[in-house]
Amino acid sequence: MDEENKPYNPLDLKNIGIQLAVRLLHSKEKPLPPKEFKGAGVYAIFYIGRNPLYAKLGQINRQYGCSWPIYVGKAVPAGARKGILAEDQADDSRALFDRLCEHAKSIESTETLTLSDFGASI
């Protein structure tokens, strides 16, 4: 069966990726670091500043509402990579909040970037 006539499978990895990207890019961005919250998952960091090195990206994200991430990552609780994580542990974890705080500290440690020039979608 050719690709054009194939029935839609929402669980196909390609379709899951598309759904995830759409959801992430339509989330309201939050400042870095965000207010404390619990959970794990995928996130995107956006640049909205005016540093000449990232000027075009910043302009696009200011004009079109954070549509081009500068970084996409995931944060998982301890044990998740080894497969020894209970299902409810992800909801009680601070993994995503902690990871975003790490990014914020990295940005703050530079002399050429300003934390207020970044936002995150989760």
N, C-alpha and C. Protein backbone atom coordinates (compact mmCIF):
# COMPACT_ATOMS: atom_id res chain seq x y z
N MET A 1 0.86 -1.18 0.00
CA MET A 1 0.00 0.00 0.00
C MET A 1 0.90 1.23 0.00
N ASP A 2 0.63 2.17 -0.88
CA ASP A 2 1.47 3.37 -0.93
C ASP A 2 1.14 4.30 0.24
N GLU A 3 2.07 5.19 0.52
CA GLU A 3 1.97 6.12 1.67
C GLU A 3 0.70 6.96 1.62
N GLU A 4 0.27 7.33 0.43
CA GLU A 4 -0.89 8.20 0.25
C GLU A 4 -2.20 7.51 0.67
N ASN A 5 -2.30 6.19 0.49
CA ASN A 5 -3.53 5.47 0.79
C ASN A 5 -3.50 4.73 2.12
N LYS A 6 -2.43 4.91 2.85
CA LYS A 6 -2.29 4.24 4.15
C LYS A 6 -3.25 4.86 5.16
N PRO A 7 -3.95 4.05 5.97
CA PRO A 7 -4.82 4.63 7.00
C PRO A 7 -3.99 5.34 8.07
N TYR A 8 -4.55 6.37 8.65
CA TYR A 8 -3.86 7.14 9.69
C TYR A 8 -3.73 6.30 10.95
N ASN A 9 -2.53 6.19 11.44
CA ASN A 9 -2.26 5.47 12.68
C ASN A 9 -1.70 6.46 13.69
N PRO A 10 -2.50 6.87 14.68
CA PRO A 10 -2.02 7.88 15.64
C PRO A 10 -0.86 7.38 16.49
N LEU A 11 -0.64 6.06 16.55
CA LEU A 11 0.45 5.52 17.36
C LEU A 11 1.73 5.30 16.56
N ASP A 12 1.71 5.60 15.27
CA ASP A 12 2.93 5.53 14.47
C ASP A 12 3.91 6.57 15.02
N LEU A 13 5.20 6.20 15.16
CA LEU A 13 6.18 7.10 15.75
C LEU A 13 6.25 8.45 15.05
N LYS A 14 6.12 8.44 13.73
CA LYS A 14 6.13 9.70 12.98
C LYS A 14 4.96 10.59 13.42
N ASN A 15 3.78 10.00 13.56
CA ASN A 15 2.60 10.78 13.95
C ASN A 15 2.68 11.23 15.40
N ILE A 16 3.25 10.42 16.27
CA ILE A 16 3.43 10.83 17.67
C ILE A 16 4.36 12.02 17.72
N GLY A 17 5.44 11.98 16.93
CA GLY A 17 6.38 13.10 16.89
C GLY A 17 5.73 14.38 16.41
N ILE A 18 4.90 14.27 15.39
CA ILE A 18 4.20 15.45 14.87
C ILE A 18 3.24 16.01 15.91
N GLN A 19 2.48 15.13 16.58
CA GLN A 19 1.54 15.57 17.60
C GLN A 19 2.27 16.25 18.77
N LEU A 20 3.40 15.67 19.16
CA LEU A 20 4.19 16.24 20.24
C LEU A 20 4.72 17.62 19.87
N ALA A 21 5.25 17.75 18.66
CA ALA A 21 5.79 19.04 18.21
C ALA A 21 4.70 20.10 18.17
N VAL A 22 3.53 19.76 17.64
CA VAL A 22 2.43 20.71 17.57
C VAL A 22 2.01 21.15 18.96
N ARG A 23 1.88 20.19 19.86
CA ARG A 23 1.47 20.51 21.24
C ARG A 23 2.49 21.41 21.92
N LEU A 24 3.76 21.09 21.77
CA LEU A 24 4.83 21.84 22.41
C LEU A 24 4.90 23.26 21.86
N LEU A 25 4.78 23.40 20.55
CA LEU A 25 4.89 24.72 19.94
C LEU A 25 3.66 25.58 20.15
N HIS A 26 2.55 24.98 20.59
CA HIS A 26 1.35 25.76 20.87
C HIS A 26 1.14 25.98 22.38
N SER A 27 2.10 25.57 23.17
CA SER A 27 2.03 25.81 24.61
C SER A 27 2.43 27.26 24.89
N LYS A 28 1.84 27.83 25.89
CA LYS A 28 2.22 29.20 26.27
C LYS A 28 3.60 29.13 26.92
N GLU A 29 4.52 29.91 26.38
CA GLU A 29 5.87 29.88 26.92
C GLU A 29 5.93 30.55 28.29
N LYS A 30 6.84 30.05 29.10
CA LYS A 30 7.03 30.53 30.46
C LYS A 30 8.44 31.10 30.57
N PRO A 31 8.66 32.01 31.50
CA PRO A 31 10.01 32.55 31.68
C PRO A 31 10.94 31.48 32.26
N LEU A 32 12.22 31.70 32.10
CA LEU A 32 13.22 30.82 32.72
C LEU A 32 13.78 31.51 33.95
N PRO A 33 13.94 30.84 35.06
CA PRO A 33 13.31 29.56 35.36
C PRO A 33 11.84 29.78 35.67
N PRO A 34 11.01 28.76 35.42
CA PRO A 34 9.58 28.90 35.71
C PRO A 34 9.33 28.78 37.21
N LYS A 35 8.10 29.05 37.60
CA LYS A 35 7.72 28.80 39.00
C LYS A 35 7.79 27.30 39.22
N GLU A 36 8.08 26.92 40.44
CA GLU A 36 8.27 25.50 40.76
C GLU A 36 7.02 24.68 40.43
N PHE A 37 7.24 23.50 39.86
CA PHE A 37 6.16 22.58 39.54
C PHE A 37 6.73 21.16 39.55
N LYS A 38 5.84 20.19 39.53
CA LYS A 38 6.27 18.78 39.51
C LYS A 38 5.94 18.18 38.15
N GLY A 39 6.77 17.22 37.75
CA GLY A 39 6.53 16.51 36.51
C GLY A 39 7.82 16.29 35.74
N ALA A 40 7.71 15.49 34.73
CA ALA A 40 8.82 15.18 33.83
C ALA A 40 8.29 15.30 32.41
N GLY A 41 9.18 15.40 31.44
CA GLY A 41 8.71 15.43 30.07
C GLY A 41 9.60 16.20 29.13
N VAL A 42 9.01 16.60 28.02
CA VAL A 42 9.72 17.27 26.94
C VAL A 42 9.53 18.78 27.07
N TYR A 43 10.54 19.53 26.66
CA TYR A 43 10.46 20.99 26.73
C TYR A 43 11.20 21.60 25.55
N ALA A 44 10.90 22.86 25.27
CA ALA A 44 11.61 23.62 24.25
C ALA A 44 12.00 24.96 24.85
N ILE A 45 13.20 25.42 24.50
CA ILE A 45 13.67 26.72 24.94
C ILE A 45 13.73 27.63 23.71
N PHE A 46 13.23 28.85 23.90
CA PHE A 46 13.16 29.83 22.82
C PHE A 46 13.98 31.06 23.16
N TYR A 47 14.59 31.63 22.15
CA TYR A 47 15.33 32.88 22.31
C TYR A 47 14.49 34.01 21.72
N ILE A 48 14.32 35.09 22.50
CA ILE A 48 13.52 36.22 22.04
C ILE A 48 14.30 37.53 22.13
N GLY A 49 15.57 37.45 22.46
CA GLY A 49 16.38 38.65 22.67
C GLY A 49 16.90 39.28 21.38
N ARG A 50 17.86 40.19 21.56
CA ARG A 50 18.38 40.97 20.44
C ARG A 50 19.89 40.84 20.27
N ASN A 51 20.51 39.83 20.87
CA ASN A 51 21.94 39.61 20.70
C ASN A 51 22.23 39.42 19.22
N PRO A 52 23.23 40.11 18.67
CA PRO A 52 23.51 40.01 17.23
C PRO A 52 23.75 38.58 16.74
N LEU A 53 24.30 37.72 17.57
CA LEU A 53 24.54 36.34 17.16
C LEU A 53 23.25 35.56 16.90
N TYR A 54 22.19 35.93 17.59
CA TYR A 54 20.91 35.23 17.47
C TYR A 54 19.80 36.18 17.02
N ALA A 55 20.16 37.29 16.42
CA ALA A 55 19.19 38.36 16.09
C ALA A 55 18.03 37.87 15.25
N LYS A 56 18.32 37.09 14.20
CA LYS A 56 17.25 36.63 13.30
C LYS A 56 16.28 35.70 14.05
N LEU A 57 16.83 34.79 14.83
CA LEU A 57 15.99 33.87 15.62
C LEU A 57 15.13 34.65 16.62
N GLY A 58 15.74 35.59 17.31
CA GLY A 58 14.99 36.40 18.26
C GLY A 58 13.87 37.17 17.60
N GLN A 59 14.14 37.73 16.43
CA GLN A 59 13.12 38.48 15.70
C GLN A 59 11.96 37.58 15.28
N ILE A 60 12.27 36.40 14.77
CA ILE A 60 11.21 35.46 14.37
C ILE A 60 10.35 35.08 15.57
N ASN A 61 10.97 34.77 16.70
CA ASN A 61 10.22 34.34 17.88
C ASN A 61 9.42 35.48 18.50
N ARG A 62 9.91 36.71 18.42
CA ARG A 62 9.13 37.85 18.92
C ARG A 62 7.95 38.10 18.00
N GLN A 63 8.18 38.02 16.72
CA GLN A 63 7.14 38.34 15.74
C GLN A 63 6.07 37.26 15.63
N TYR A 64 6.48 35.99 15.70
CA TYR A 64 5.55 34.88 15.46
C TYR A 64 5.26 34.04 16.70
N GLY A 65 5.57 34.53 17.86
CA GLY A 65 5.19 33.84 19.09
C GLY A 65 5.93 32.56 19.39
N CYS A 66 7.23 32.62 19.46
CA CYS A 66 8.06 31.46 19.84
C CYS A 66 7.73 30.23 19.01
N SER A 67 8.07 30.31 17.75
CA SER A 67 7.81 29.19 16.84
C SER A 67 9.08 28.44 16.44
N TRP A 68 10.27 28.98 16.77
CA TRP A 68 11.54 28.34 16.43
C TRP A 68 12.37 28.14 17.69
N PRO A 69 12.35 26.94 18.28
CA PRO A 69 13.13 26.71 19.49
C PRO A 69 14.63 26.73 19.20
N ILE A 70 15.38 27.16 20.20
CA ILE A 70 16.83 27.12 20.11
C ILE A 70 17.35 25.80 20.68
N TYR A 71 16.48 25.14 21.48
CA TYR A 71 16.87 23.86 22.08
C TYR A 71 15.61 23.09 22.45
N VAL A 72 15.63 21.79 22.22
CA VAL A 72 14.54 20.89 22.63
C VAL A 72 15.17 19.76 23.43
N GLY A 73 14.58 19.45 24.57
CA GLY A 73 15.14 18.40 25.41
C GLY A 73 14.07 17.66 26.18
N LYS A 74 14.52 16.72 26.99
CA LYS A 74 13.59 16.00 27.84
C LYS A 74 14.22 15.85 29.22
N ALA A 75 13.37 15.75 30.20
CA ALA A 75 13.82 15.55 31.57
C ALA A 75 13.05 14.38 32.16
N VAL A 76 13.77 13.42 32.67
CA VAL A 76 13.15 12.23 33.24
C VAL A 76 13.63 12.05 34.68
N PRO A 77 12.81 11.47 35.52
CA PRO A 77 13.20 11.23 36.91
C PRO A 77 14.31 10.17 37.00
N ALA A 78 15.00 10.17 38.11
CA ALA A 78 16.03 9.16 38.35
C ALA A 78 15.43 7.77 38.20
N GLY A 79 16.16 6.89 37.53
CA GLY A 79 15.70 5.52 37.33
C GLY A 79 14.97 5.30 36.02
N ALA A 80 14.53 6.37 35.38
CA ALA A 80 13.75 6.22 34.15
C ALA A 80 14.56 5.63 33.01
N ARG A 81 15.82 6.00 32.91
CA ARG A 81 16.65 5.49 31.81
C ARG A 81 16.96 4.00 31.97
N LYS A 82 16.90 3.53 33.20
CA LYS A 82 17.17 2.10 33.45
C LYS A 82 15.89 1.28 33.44
N GLY A 83 14.75 1.93 33.31
CA GLY A 83 13.48 1.21 33.27
C GLY A 83 12.99 0.77 34.63
N ILE A 84 13.45 1.44 35.68
CA ILE A 84 13.04 1.03 37.04
C ILE A 84 12.20 2.12 37.71
N LEU A 85 11.43 2.81 36.93
CA LEU A 85 10.62 3.91 37.41
C LEU A 85 9.16 3.48 37.51
N ALA A 86 8.58 3.67 38.67
CA ALA A 86 7.15 3.41 38.81
C ALA A 86 6.39 4.49 38.05
N GLU A 87 5.24 4.14 37.49
CA GLU A 87 4.49 5.06 36.63
C GLU A 87 4.16 6.37 37.32
N ASP A 88 3.80 6.33 38.59
CA ASP A 88 3.40 7.54 39.29
C ASP A 88 4.60 8.40 39.73
N GLN A 89 5.82 7.89 39.63
CA GLN A 89 6.98 8.67 40.04
C GLN A 89 7.22 9.87 39.14
N ALA A 90 6.88 9.77 37.87
CA ALA A 90 7.09 10.89 36.96
C ALA A 90 6.27 12.10 37.38
N ASP A 91 5.05 11.88 37.88
CA ASP A 91 4.20 12.97 38.31
C ASP A 91 4.71 13.63 39.58
N ASP A 92 5.41 12.89 40.43
CA ASP A 92 5.92 13.43 41.69
C ASP A 92 7.33 13.98 41.57
N SER A 93 7.93 13.83 40.43
CA SER A 93 9.31 14.26 40.20
C SER A 93 9.40 15.76 39.95
N ARG A 94 10.57 16.32 40.26
CA ARG A 94 10.87 17.71 39.90
C ARG A 94 11.84 17.75 38.72
N ALA A 95 11.94 16.66 37.99
CA ALA A 95 12.96 16.52 36.94
C ALA A 95 12.89 17.65 35.91
N LEU A 96 11.72 17.97 35.44
CA LEU A 96 11.58 18.99 34.40
C LEU A 96 11.90 20.38 34.96
N PHE A 97 11.37 20.69 36.11
CA PHE A 97 11.67 21.98 36.75
C PHE A 97 13.17 22.11 37.00
N ASP A 98 13.79 21.07 37.55
CA ASP A 98 15.22 21.11 37.84
C ASP A 98 16.05 21.29 36.56
N ARG A 99 15.65 20.62 35.48
CA ARG A 99 16.39 20.74 34.22
C ARG A 99 16.30 22.16 33.66
N LEU A 100 15.14 22.77 33.75
CA LEU A 100 14.98 24.15 33.28
C LEU A 100 15.79 25.11 34.15
N CYS A 101 15.89 24.82 35.43
CA CYS A 101 16.73 25.64 36.32
C CYS A 101 18.21 25.51 35.94
N GLU A 102 18.63 24.32 35.52
CA GLU A 102 20.01 24.14 35.06
C GLU A 102 20.29 25.01 33.83
N HIS A 103 19.34 25.03 32.91
CA HIS A 103 19.50 25.88 31.72
C HIS A 103 19.59 27.35 32.14
N ALA A 104 18.75 27.75 33.07
CA ALA A 104 18.76 29.15 33.53
C ALA A 104 20.11 29.51 34.14
N LYS A 105 20.67 28.62 34.94
CA LYS A 105 21.99 28.88 35.55
C LYS A 105 23.07 29.00 34.48
N SER A 106 23.00 28.16 33.45
CA SER A 106 23.98 28.23 32.36
C SER A 106 23.90 29.57 31.64
N ILE A 107 22.70 30.03 31.38
CA ILE A 107 22.51 31.31 30.70
C ILE A 107 23.01 32.45 31.58
N GLU A 108 22.69 32.40 32.86
CA GLU A 108 23.12 33.45 33.79
C GLU A 108 24.64 33.50 33.94
N SER A 109 25.31 32.40 33.68
CA SER A 109 26.76 32.36 33.87
C SER A 109 27.53 33.04 32.73
N THR A 110 26.83 33.40 31.66
CA THR A 110 27.49 34.06 30.54
C THR A 110 27.47 35.58 30.72
N GLU A 111 28.34 36.25 30.00
CA GLU A 111 28.36 37.71 30.03
C GLU A 111 27.61 38.31 28.85
N THR A 112 27.25 37.48 27.87
CA THR A 112 26.65 38.01 26.64
C THR A 112 25.16 37.69 26.49
N LEU A 113 24.61 36.86 27.37
CA LEU A 113 23.20 36.50 27.29
C LEU A 113 22.47 36.95 28.54
N THR A 114 21.19 37.25 28.38
CA THR A 114 20.34 37.68 29.49
C THR A 114 19.20 36.69 29.65
N LEU A 115 18.95 36.28 30.87
CA LEU A 115 17.93 35.27 31.15
C LEU A 115 16.55 35.70 30.65
N SER A 116 16.25 36.98 30.73
CA SER A 116 14.93 37.45 30.28
C SER A 116 14.74 37.34 28.77
N ASP A 117 15.82 37.02 28.04
CA ASP A 117 15.72 36.84 26.60
C ASP A 117 15.34 35.42 26.19
N PHE A 118 15.01 34.60 27.16
CA PHE A 118 14.67 33.19 26.91
C PHE A 118 13.32 32.85 27.53
N GLY A 119 12.66 31.89 26.94
CA GLY A 119 11.42 31.34 27.49
C GLY A 119 11.38 29.85 27.20
N ALA A 120 10.49 29.14 27.86
CA ALA A 120 10.39 27.70 27.68
C ALA A 120 8.93 27.28 27.54
N SER A 121 8.70 26.29 26.70
CA SER A 121 7.40 25.64 26.59
C SER A 121 7.53 24.25 27.15
N ILE A 122 6.53 23.86 27.94
CA ILE A 122 6.57 22.52 28.55
C ILE A 122 5.24 21.82 28.33
